Amino acid sequence: MSDSLMFNNDAYVLLETDRPEQILTPAEMFAKLQEIVVKFADDLPNDVRQISGTDARVQYLLDTSCELDLVPGEYVQWYAVRLEK
């Protein structure tokens, strides 16, 4: 049985082509991926395109991936992190 703590996160580190890294909340990361999924709908990997609905595609990406190659020379990567106080 997997440890449920493995799926808890406080934030995401976002890396994009030619941009400094950003720290995003889970809601902000979801919104960012929504924009990307809509903008690059035709360039998404086949497994993602087979899923119906933008929100379902975004959730699938968050659950199964940490990187998308968008178009030649452009990428987006994200990593879930837990912040300690």
N, C-alpha and C. Protein backbone atom coordinates (compact mmCIF):
# COMPACT_ATOMS: atom_id res chain seq x y z
N MET A 1 0.85 -1.18 0.00
CA MET A 1 0.00 0.00 0.00
C MET A 1 0.90 1.24 0.00
N SER A 2 0.57 2.20 -0.84
CA SER A 2 1.38 3.41 -0.91
C SER A 2 1.05 4.35 0.25
N ASP A 3 2.01 5.16 0.59
CA ASP A 3 1.88 6.12 1.67
C ASP A 3 1.10 7.33 1.16
N SER A 4 0.02 7.71 1.83
CA SER A 4 -0.81 8.83 1.38
C SER A 4 -0.04 10.15 1.42
N LEU A 5 1.00 10.26 2.24
CA LEU A 5 1.79 11.48 2.28
C LEU A 5 2.49 11.74 0.95
N MET A 6 2.72 10.66 0.19
CA MET A 6 3.39 10.81 -1.08
C MET A 6 2.57 11.68 -2.04
N PHE A 7 1.27 11.74 -1.86
CA PHE A 7 0.41 12.49 -2.76
C PHE A 7 0.03 13.86 -2.22
N ASN A 8 0.51 14.23 -1.04
CA ASN A 8 0.26 15.56 -0.49
C ASN A 8 1.31 16.52 -1.02
N ASN A 9 0.89 17.71 -1.41
CA ASN A 9 1.86 18.73 -1.79
C ASN A 9 1.30 20.09 -1.44
N ASP A 10 2.22 20.97 -1.17
CA ASP A 10 1.84 22.33 -0.81
C ASP A 10 1.95 23.28 -1.99
N ALA A 11 2.82 22.93 -2.92
CA ALA A 11 3.11 23.84 -4.03
C ALA A 11 3.74 23.06 -5.18
N TYR A 12 3.94 23.76 -6.26
CA TYR A 12 4.64 23.21 -7.42
C TYR A 12 5.75 24.16 -7.83
N VAL A 13 6.85 23.61 -8.26
CA VAL A 13 7.90 24.38 -8.91
C VAL A 13 7.62 24.26 -10.40
N LEU A 14 7.52 25.40 -11.07
CA LEU A 14 7.23 25.43 -12.50
C LEU A 14 8.45 25.96 -13.24
N LEU A 15 8.86 25.21 -14.26
CA LEU A 15 9.96 25.62 -15.13
C LEU A 15 9.42 25.73 -16.54
N GLU A 16 9.69 26.87 -17.18
CA GLU A 16 9.26 27.08 -18.55
C GLU A 16 10.43 27.61 -19.37
N THR A 17 10.36 27.39 -20.66
CA THR A 17 11.40 27.86 -21.57
C THR A 17 11.65 29.35 -21.37
N ASP A 18 12.92 29.71 -21.18
CA ASP A 18 13.35 31.11 -21.10
C ASP A 18 12.66 31.93 -20.00
N ARG A 19 12.24 31.27 -18.92
CA ARG A 19 11.62 31.99 -17.79
C ARG A 19 12.25 31.51 -16.49
N PRO A 20 12.30 32.36 -15.48
CA PRO A 20 12.80 31.90 -14.18
C PRO A 20 11.81 30.95 -13.53
N GLU A 21 12.30 30.11 -12.64
CA GLU A 21 11.40 29.17 -11.97
C GLU A 21 10.38 29.93 -11.12
N GLN A 22 9.20 29.35 -11.00
CA GLN A 22 8.13 29.93 -10.21
C GLN A 22 7.64 28.90 -9.20
N ILE A 23 7.16 29.37 -8.07
CA ILE A 23 6.50 28.52 -7.09
C ILE A 23 5.01 28.84 -7.18
N LEU A 24 4.20 27.81 -7.45
CA LEU A 24 2.75 28.01 -7.61
C LEU A 24 1.99 27.15 -6.61
N THR A 25 0.84 27.64 -6.20
CA THR A 25 -0.06 26.83 -5.38
C THR A 25 -0.66 25.75 -6.28
N PRO A 26 -1.25 24.71 -5.69
CA PRO A 26 -1.91 23.71 -6.54
C PRO A 26 -2.98 24.32 -7.46
N ALA A 27 -3.74 25.28 -6.97
CA ALA A 27 -4.78 25.92 -7.80
C ALA A 27 -4.14 26.71 -8.95
N GLU A 28 -3.05 27.41 -8.67
CA GLU A 28 -2.36 28.16 -9.72
C GLU A 28 -1.76 27.22 -10.77
N MET A 29 -1.21 26.09 -10.30
CA MET A 29 -0.63 25.12 -11.23
C MET A 29 -1.71 24.54 -12.12
N PHE A 30 -2.86 24.22 -11.54
CA PHE A 30 -3.98 23.69 -12.31
C PHE A 30 -4.40 24.70 -13.38
N ALA A 31 -4.51 25.97 -12.99
CA ALA A 31 -4.90 27.02 -13.94
C ALA A 31 -3.86 27.18 -15.04
N LYS A 32 -2.59 27.12 -14.69
CA LYS A 32 -1.52 27.23 -15.69
C LYS A 32 -1.61 26.09 -16.70
N LEU A 33 -1.79 24.87 -16.21
CA LEU A 33 -1.90 23.73 -17.12
C LEU A 33 -3.18 23.81 -17.96
N GLN A 34 -4.25 24.39 -17.42
CA GLN A 34 -5.46 24.59 -18.22
C GLN A 34 -5.16 25.46 -19.43
N GLU A 35 -4.43 26.56 -19.20
CA GLU A 35 -4.06 27.46 -20.30
C GLU A 35 -3.24 26.70 -21.35
N ILE A 36 -2.29 25.92 -20.90
CA ILE A 36 -1.41 25.19 -21.81
C ILE A 36 -2.20 24.14 -22.59
N VAL A 37 -3.07 23.40 -21.92
CA VAL A 37 -3.86 22.36 -22.57
C VAL A 37 -4.76 22.96 -23.65
N VAL A 38 -5.33 24.13 -23.39
CA VAL A 38 -6.19 24.78 -24.37
C VAL A 38 -5.34 25.32 -25.54
N LYS A 39 -4.26 26.01 -25.23
CA LYS A 39 -3.43 26.64 -26.25
C LYS A 39 -2.76 25.62 -27.17
N PHE A 40 -2.30 24.51 -26.59
CA PHE A 40 -1.54 23.52 -27.36
C PHE A 40 -2.34 22.22 -27.55
N ALA A 41 -3.65 22.32 -27.66
CA ALA A 41 -4.52 21.14 -27.73
C ALA A 41 -4.09 20.17 -28.84
N ASP A 42 -3.68 20.68 -29.98
CA ASP A 42 -3.32 19.82 -31.11
C ASP A 42 -1.92 19.22 -30.96
N ASP A 43 -1.11 19.77 -30.06
CA ASP A 43 0.26 19.31 -29.88
C ASP A 43 0.45 18.42 -28.65
N LEU A 44 -0.63 18.13 -27.94
CA LEU A 44 -0.53 17.29 -26.74
C LEU A 44 -0.23 15.85 -27.13
N PRO A 45 0.41 15.10 -26.23
CA PRO A 45 0.65 13.68 -26.50
C PRO A 45 -0.68 12.94 -26.71
N ASN A 46 -0.62 11.84 -27.45
CA ASN A 46 -1.83 11.08 -27.78
C ASN A 46 -2.63 10.66 -26.56
N ASP A 47 -1.94 10.20 -25.50
CA ASP A 47 -2.67 9.75 -24.31
C ASP A 47 -3.48 10.87 -23.68
N VAL A 48 -2.97 12.09 -23.75
CA VAL A 48 -3.68 13.23 -23.17
C VAL A 48 -4.84 13.64 -24.08
N ARG A 49 -4.61 13.64 -25.39
CA ARG A 49 -5.67 14.03 -26.33
C ARG A 49 -6.86 13.08 -26.28
N GLN A 50 -6.66 11.85 -25.88
CA GLN A 50 -7.75 10.88 -25.83
C GLN A 50 -8.70 11.13 -24.66
N ILE A 51 -8.31 11.96 -23.73
CA ILE A 51 -9.15 12.26 -22.56
C ILE A 51 -10.08 13.41 -22.91
N SER A 52 -11.34 13.27 -22.55
CA SER A 52 -12.33 14.31 -22.83
C SER A 52 -12.30 15.38 -21.74
N GLY A 53 -12.31 16.62 -22.16
CA GLY A 53 -12.43 17.74 -21.23
C GLY A 53 -11.10 18.27 -20.75
N THR A 54 -11.02 19.58 -20.69
CA THR A 54 -9.80 20.25 -20.27
C THR A 54 -9.42 19.90 -18.84
N ASP A 55 -10.37 19.98 -17.91
CA ASP A 55 -10.05 19.69 -16.51
C ASP A 55 -9.56 18.26 -16.32
N ALA A 56 -10.17 17.32 -17.01
CA ALA A 56 -9.75 15.92 -16.91
C ALA A 56 -8.34 15.75 -17.48
N ARG A 57 -8.03 16.44 -18.56
CA ARG A 57 -6.69 16.38 -19.13
C ARG A 57 -5.66 16.94 -18.16
N VAL A 58 -5.99 18.07 -17.55
CA VAL A 58 -5.07 18.69 -16.59
C VAL A 58 -4.84 17.76 -15.41
N GLN A 59 -5.89 17.19 -14.86
CA GLN A 59 -5.74 16.28 -13.72
C GLN A 59 -4.90 15.07 -14.10
N TYR A 60 -5.10 14.56 -15.29
CA TYR A 60 -4.30 13.44 -15.78
C TYR A 60 -2.82 13.82 -15.83
N LEU A 61 -2.52 15.00 -16.35
CA LEU A 61 -1.13 15.45 -16.41
C LEU A 61 -0.53 15.59 -15.01
N LEU A 62 -1.29 16.17 -14.09
CA LEU A 62 -0.79 16.33 -12.72
C LEU A 62 -0.55 14.97 -12.06
N ASP A 63 -1.39 13.99 -12.36
CA ASP A 63 -1.28 12.68 -11.74
C ASP A 63 -0.20 11.80 -12.37
N THR A 64 0.12 12.04 -13.64
CA THR A 64 0.98 11.08 -14.34
C THR A 64 2.25 11.66 -14.95
N SER A 65 2.38 12.96 -15.00
CA SER A 65 3.50 13.57 -15.72
C SER A 65 4.16 14.68 -14.92
N CYS A 66 5.27 15.13 -15.44
CA CYS A 66 5.92 16.30 -14.85
C CYS A 66 6.56 17.16 -15.93
N GLU A 67 6.26 16.84 -17.19
CA GLU A 67 6.88 17.60 -18.28
C GLU A 67 6.04 17.47 -19.55
N LEU A 68 6.02 18.56 -20.30
CA LEU A 68 5.42 18.56 -21.64
C LEU A 68 6.36 19.29 -22.58
N ASP A 69 6.66 18.67 -23.70
CA ASP A 69 7.35 19.35 -24.79
C ASP A 69 6.25 19.94 -25.65
N LEU A 70 6.18 21.25 -25.73
CA LEU A 70 5.05 21.90 -26.38
C LEU A 70 5.21 21.97 -27.89
N VAL A 71 6.17 22.70 -28.34
CA VAL A 71 6.54 22.78 -29.75
C VAL A 71 8.06 22.74 -29.76
N PRO A 72 8.67 22.53 -30.90
CA PRO A 72 10.14 22.45 -30.89
C PRO A 72 10.78 23.64 -30.17
N GLY A 73 11.58 23.32 -29.18
CA GLY A 73 12.29 24.35 -28.42
C GLY A 73 11.54 24.91 -27.23
N GLU A 74 10.30 24.50 -26.98
CA GLU A 74 9.53 25.00 -25.84
C GLU A 74 9.09 23.83 -24.97
N TYR A 75 9.20 24.03 -23.67
CA TYR A 75 8.81 22.98 -22.73
C TYR A 75 8.22 23.61 -21.47
N VAL A 76 7.55 22.78 -20.72
CA VAL A 76 7.08 23.16 -19.38
C VAL A 76 7.31 21.93 -18.50
N GLN A 77 7.87 22.17 -17.31
CA GLN A 77 8.09 21.11 -16.33
C GLN A 77 7.52 21.58 -15.00
N TRP A 78 7.01 20.62 -14.21
CA TRP A 78 6.48 20.96 -12.90
C TRP A 78 6.80 19.84 -11.92
N TYR A 79 7.04 20.25 -10.70
CA TYR A 79 7.40 19.30 -9.65
C TYR A 79 6.63 19.65 -8.38
N ALA A 80 5.94 18.68 -7.83
CA ALA A 80 5.22 18.89 -6.58
C ALA A 80 6.22 18.96 -5.44
N VAL A 81 6.01 19.90 -4.52
CA VAL A 81 6.89 20.05 -3.36
C VAL A 81 6.04 20.24 -2.11
N ARG A 82 6.61 19.84 -0.99
CA ARG A 82 6.01 20.11 0.31
C ARG A 82 6.85 21.17 1.00
N LEU A 83 6.21 22.18 1.51
CA LEU A 83 6.90 23.25 2.19
C LEU A 83 6.84 23.04 3.69
N GLU A 84 7.98 23.11 4.32
CA GLU A 84 7.99 22.97 5.78
C GLU A 84 8.03 24.35 6.41
N LYS A 85 7.35 24.46 7.54
CA LYS A 85 7.29 25.75 8.24
C LYS A 85 8.27 25.75 9.38
